[in-house]
Protein backbone atom coordinates (compact mmCIF):
# COMPACT_ATOMS: atom_id res chain seq x y z
CA MET A 1 -23.97 -3.01 -24.51
CA PRO A 2 -27.48 -4.15 -25.48
CA ARG A 3 -28.14 -7.84 -25.89
CA LEU A 4 -29.40 -9.20 -29.15
CA ILE A 5 -32.29 -11.63 -29.27
CA LEU A 6 -32.28 -14.37 -31.90
CA LYS A 7 -34.65 -17.24 -32.42
CA LYS A 8 -33.36 -20.77 -32.43
CA PRO A 9 -34.95 -23.33 -34.74
CA GLY A 10 -38.40 -24.01 -33.35
CA GLY A 11 -38.91 -20.37 -32.38
CA VAL A 12 -37.16 -20.41 -29.00
CA CYS A 13 -35.55 -17.07 -28.17
CA MET A 14 -31.86 -17.00 -27.36
CA ARG A 15 -30.14 -14.00 -25.80
CA HIS A 16 -26.56 -13.24 -26.72
CA LYS A 17 -24.27 -12.98 -23.73
CA ASP A 18 -21.14 -10.92 -23.67
CA LYS A 19 -17.88 -12.68 -24.51
CA ASP A 20 -16.56 -12.61 -20.93
CA GLN A 21 -19.67 -14.33 -19.60
CA LEU A 22 -19.53 -16.94 -22.35
CA ALA A 23 -15.84 -17.59 -21.67
CA ALA A 24 -16.51 -18.00 -17.95
CA GLU A 25 -19.34 -20.45 -18.62
CA TRP A 26 -17.17 -22.51 -21.00
CA GLN A 27 -14.33 -22.55 -18.46
CA ALA A 28 -16.69 -23.78 -15.74
CA LEU A 29 -17.94 -26.55 -18.04
CA LEU A 30 -14.38 -27.61 -18.85
CA GLU A 31 -13.46 -27.74 -15.18
CA ARG A 32 -16.48 -29.96 -14.41
CA THR A 33 -15.85 -32.33 -17.30
CA PRO A 34 -13.59 -35.29 -16.46
CA LYS A 35 -10.28 -35.33 -18.32
CA PRO A 36 -10.91 -38.75 -19.97
CA MET A 37 -14.17 -37.37 -21.41
CA ARG A 38 -12.42 -34.26 -22.76
CA GLN A 39 -9.73 -36.47 -24.32
CA ALA A 40 -12.34 -38.73 -25.94
CA VAL A 41 -14.12 -35.72 -27.44
CA GLU A 42 -10.81 -34.29 -28.65
CA THR A 43 -9.97 -37.59 -30.38
CA LEU A 44 -13.42 -37.74 -32.00
CA VAL A 45 -13.23 -34.15 -33.23
CA GLU A 46 -9.72 -34.61 -34.61
CA SER A 47 -10.74 -37.76 -36.49
CA GLN A 48 -13.98 -36.28 -37.86
CA CYS A 49 -13.03 -32.61 -38.28
CA HIS A 50 -14.01 -32.48 -41.96
CA THR A 51 -17.44 -33.98 -41.24
CA PHE A 52 -18.05 -31.50 -38.43
CA ALA A 53 -16.87 -28.56 -40.56
CA ASP A 54 -19.08 -29.59 -43.48
CA ARG A 55 -22.12 -29.85 -41.21
CA PHE A 56 -21.36 -26.55 -39.47
CA TYR A 57 -21.10 -24.63 -42.73
CA SER A 58 -24.15 -26.28 -44.30
CA VAL A 59 -26.26 -25.26 -41.29
CA MET A 60 -24.78 -21.76 -41.23
CA MET A 61 -25.40 -21.23 -44.94
CA GLU A 62 -29.07 -22.22 -44.49
CA ASP A 63 -29.53 -19.45 -41.91
CA PRO A 64 -30.12 -16.15 -43.74
CA HIS A 65 -28.66 -14.11 -40.88
CA ALA A 66 -25.58 -16.25 -40.27
CA SER A 67 -24.82 -16.71 -43.96
CA LEU A 68 -24.20 -12.96 -44.26
CA PHE A 69 -21.02 -13.47 -42.22
CA LEU A 70 -19.68 -16.29 -44.40
CA SER A 71 -17.86 -16.05 -47.68
CA ASN A 72 -15.82 -18.17 -50.06
CA ASP A 73 -12.93 -15.70 -49.80
C-alpha cells in the first residue's frame, strides 16, 4: 500500500504509517510510560473531555482535507 504524504502546519511533511506500525509504536510508548503518569493523564482527559473534544473538532474543521471526513450527522 502506498504511503500518503501530508504537510503539518508549518509545511513539515508527515508520512502516514500503516495501522499495524502505528499500533506497535503506541504500545511501545504505553509500556515505557510509568503507570502513575498514565493514570494522571487519564484523570485529566476524563475531567476535561469536552474541552479536548471541542478543540479537536475546531482544529479538524479548519483543515480543508480533514473536514471532508467530518459531518454533523
